[in-house]
C-alpha cells in the first residue's frame, strides 16, 4: 500500500497545516468563540434566573 498523496501526486506529508498561532490570529476563530461564550452566558443566566424565580415563588407560597 502506498502513502497518502494529494491531487498532484506528491506526498501529502509535504502539505503544511497552519500552526496554532496562525489559527489564533484568524478573526473568524475569535468571532466564533465570542458567539459561543455569549450563548453560554445567556443560557446559564436564564437557567439561574428561572431557578431563583421558582425557588422564591415556592418559598412565598
N, C-alpha and C. Protein backbone atom coordinates (compact mmCIF):
# COMPACT_ATOMS: atom_id res chain seq x y z
N UNK A 1 0.86 -1.18 0.00
CA UNK A 1 0.00 0.00 0.00
C UNK A 1 0.89 1.23 0.00
N UNK A 2 0.57 2.20 -0.82
CA UNK A 2 1.40 3.40 -0.91
C UNK A 2 0.92 4.44 0.07
N UNK A 3 1.76 5.46 0.32
CA UNK A 3 1.40 6.54 1.23
C UNK A 3 0.36 7.44 0.64
N UNK A 4 -0.21 8.29 1.45
CA UNK A 4 -1.24 9.21 1.00
C UNK A 4 -0.63 10.27 0.09
N UNK A 5 -1.36 10.60 -0.97
CA UNK A 5 -0.90 11.63 -1.89
C UNK A 5 -1.97 12.68 -2.05
N UNK A 6 -1.55 13.88 -2.44
CA UNK A 6 -2.54 14.92 -2.72
C UNK A 6 -2.92 14.87 -4.19
N UNK A 7 -3.64 15.86 -4.68
CA UNK A 7 -4.16 15.81 -6.05
C UNK A 7 -3.06 15.86 -7.10
N UNK A 8 -1.88 16.39 -6.78
CA UNK A 8 -0.78 16.46 -7.73
C UNK A 8 0.05 15.19 -7.75
N UNK A 9 -0.23 14.27 -6.84
CA UNK A 9 0.55 13.05 -6.78
C UNK A 9 1.73 13.15 -5.84
N UNK A 10 1.97 14.33 -5.26
CA UNK A 10 3.07 14.49 -4.31
C UNK A 10 2.66 13.90 -2.97
N UNK A 11 3.63 13.64 -2.14
CA UNK A 11 3.35 13.07 -0.82
C UNK A 11 2.54 14.09 0.00
N UNK A 12 1.54 13.62 0.69
CA UNK A 12 0.69 14.50 1.48
C UNK A 12 1.42 15.03 2.71
N UNK A 13 2.53 14.39 3.08
CA UNK A 13 3.29 14.85 4.24
C UNK A 13 3.93 16.21 3.99
N UNK A 14 4.11 16.59 2.70
CA UNK A 14 4.73 17.87 2.38
C UNK A 14 3.77 19.04 2.55
N UNK A 15 2.48 18.75 2.70
CA UNK A 15 1.47 19.81 2.85
C UNK A 15 1.55 20.33 4.27
N UNK A 16 1.71 21.66 4.39
CA UNK A 16 1.81 22.26 5.72
C UNK A 16 0.44 22.62 6.25
N UNK A 17 0.20 22.25 7.48
CA UNK A 17 -1.03 22.66 8.15
C UNK A 17 -0.72 23.92 8.94
N UNK A 18 -1.71 24.81 9.08
CA UNK A 18 -1.45 26.05 9.82
C UNK A 18 -1.17 25.76 11.30
N UNK A 19 -0.26 26.52 11.87
CA UNK A 19 0.07 26.35 13.28
C UNK A 19 -1.04 26.93 14.15
N UNK A 20 -0.98 26.63 15.42
CA UNK A 20 -1.98 27.13 16.36
C UNK A 20 -1.93 28.65 16.41
N UNK A 21 -0.73 29.22 16.35
CA UNK A 21 -0.60 30.68 16.38
C UNK A 21 -1.26 31.32 15.16
N UNK A 22 -1.12 30.69 14.01
CA UNK A 22 -1.73 31.22 12.79
C UNK A 22 -3.25 31.16 12.90
N UNK A 23 -3.76 30.06 13.40
CA UNK A 23 -5.21 29.92 13.55
C UNK A 23 -5.73 30.92 14.57
N UNK A 24 -4.98 31.13 15.67
CA UNK A 24 -5.42 32.05 16.72
C UNK A 24 -5.47 33.49 16.22
N UNK A 25 -4.67 33.81 15.20
CA UNK A 25 -4.69 35.16 14.67
C UNK A 25 -5.89 35.41 13.76
N UNK A 26 -6.54 34.35 13.35
CA UNK A 26 -7.68 34.48 12.45
C UNK A 26 -8.87 35.05 13.22
N UNK A 27 -9.43 36.11 12.72
CA UNK A 27 -10.53 36.78 13.43
C UNK A 27 -11.79 35.95 13.46
N UNK A 28 -11.96 35.07 12.48
CA UNK A 28 -13.16 34.23 12.48
C UNK A 28 -13.18 33.30 13.68
N UNK A 29 -12.02 32.81 14.09
CA UNK A 29 -11.95 31.93 15.26
C UNK A 29 -12.41 32.68 16.49
N UNK A 30 -11.94 33.91 16.66
CA UNK A 30 -12.33 34.71 17.83
C UNK A 30 -13.81 35.07 17.78
N UNK A 31 -14.34 35.30 16.58
CA UNK A 31 -15.77 35.60 16.44
C UNK A 31 -16.61 34.39 16.85
N UNK A 32 -16.23 33.21 16.41
CA UNK A 32 -16.96 32.00 16.78
C UNK A 32 -16.88 31.77 18.28
N UNK A 33 -15.70 31.95 18.87
CA UNK A 33 -15.55 31.77 20.31
C UNK A 33 -16.39 32.78 21.08
N UNK A 34 -16.46 34.02 20.60
CA UNK A 34 -17.25 35.05 21.27
C UNK A 34 -18.74 34.71 21.21
N UNK A 35 -19.20 34.23 20.07
CA UNK A 35 -20.62 33.86 19.94
C UNK A 35 -20.95 32.70 20.87
N UNK A 36 -20.08 31.69 20.91
CA UNK A 36 -20.32 30.54 21.78
C UNK A 36 -20.32 30.97 23.24
N UNK A 37 -19.37 31.82 23.62
CA UNK A 37 -19.32 32.30 25.01
C UNK A 37 -20.56 33.12 25.35
N UNK A 38 -21.01 33.95 24.43
CA UNK A 38 -22.22 34.74 24.67
C UNK A 38 -23.45 33.88 24.85
N UNK A 39 -23.58 32.87 24.00
CA UNK A 39 -24.72 31.95 24.14
C UNK A 39 -24.66 31.18 25.45
N UNK A 40 -23.47 30.79 25.84
CA UNK A 40 -23.31 30.06 27.10
C UNK A 40 -23.69 30.93 28.29
N UNK A 41 -23.26 32.18 28.28
CA UNK A 41 -23.60 33.10 29.37
C UNK A 41 -25.10 33.36 29.41
N UNK A 42 -25.70 33.57 28.25
CA UNK A 42 -27.15 33.83 28.21
C UNK A 42 -27.94 32.63 28.71
N UNK A 43 -27.56 31.45 28.28
CA UNK A 43 -28.29 30.24 28.71
C UNK A 43 -28.13 30.00 30.20
N UNK A 44 -26.92 30.16 30.69
CA UNK A 44 -26.69 29.93 32.12
C UNK A 44 -27.43 30.96 32.97
N UNK A 45 -27.42 32.22 32.55
CA UNK A 45 -28.12 33.23 33.33
C UNK A 45 -29.63 33.02 33.28
N UNK A 46 -30.15 32.54 32.16
CA UNK A 46 -31.58 32.25 32.07
C UNK A 46 -31.95 31.10 33.00
N UNK A 47 -31.12 30.09 33.06
CA UNK A 47 -31.38 28.95 33.94
C UNK A 47 -31.32 29.38 35.41
N UNK A 48 -30.32 30.16 35.75
CA UNK A 48 -30.19 30.63 37.13
C UNK A 48 -31.36 31.53 37.50
N UNK A 49 -31.76 32.41 36.60
CA UNK A 49 -32.90 33.28 36.86
C UNK A 49 -34.19 32.50 37.05
N UNK A 50 -34.37 31.48 36.23
CA UNK A 50 -35.56 30.64 36.37
C UNK A 50 -35.57 29.89 37.70
N UNK A 51 -34.41 29.37 38.07
CA UNK A 51 -34.33 28.65 39.36
C UNK A 51 -34.59 29.59 40.54
N UNK A 52 -34.08 30.80 40.47
CA UNK A 52 -34.32 31.76 41.56
C UNK A 52 -35.79 32.13 41.62
N UNK A 53 -36.41 32.35 40.45
CA UNK A 53 -37.83 32.70 40.42
C UNK A 53 -38.68 31.55 40.95
N UNK A 54 -38.34 30.33 40.59
CA UNK A 54 -39.10 29.19 41.07
C UNK A 54 -38.93 29.00 42.59
N UNK A 55 -37.70 29.15 43.05
CA UNK A 55 -37.47 28.95 44.48
C UNK A 55 -38.12 30.05 45.33
N UNK A 56 -38.06 31.28 44.84
CA UNK A 56 -38.71 32.36 45.60
C UNK A 56 -40.23 32.24 45.56
N UNK A 57 -40.74 31.77 44.45
CA UNK A 57 -42.18 31.55 44.34
C UNK A 57 -42.64 30.43 45.25
N UNK A 58 -41.86 29.39 45.34
CA UNK A 58 -42.22 28.28 46.20
C UNK A 58 -42.11 28.67 47.67
N UNK A 59 -41.13 29.51 48.01
CA UNK A 59 -40.97 29.93 49.41
C UNK A 59 -42.07 30.90 49.80
N UNK A 60 -42.52 31.75 48.86
CA UNK A 60 -43.54 32.74 49.18
C UNK A 60 -44.94 32.13 49.28
N UNK A 61 -45.14 31.00 48.65
CA UNK A 61 -46.49 30.40 48.64
C UNK A 61 -46.86 29.73 49.93
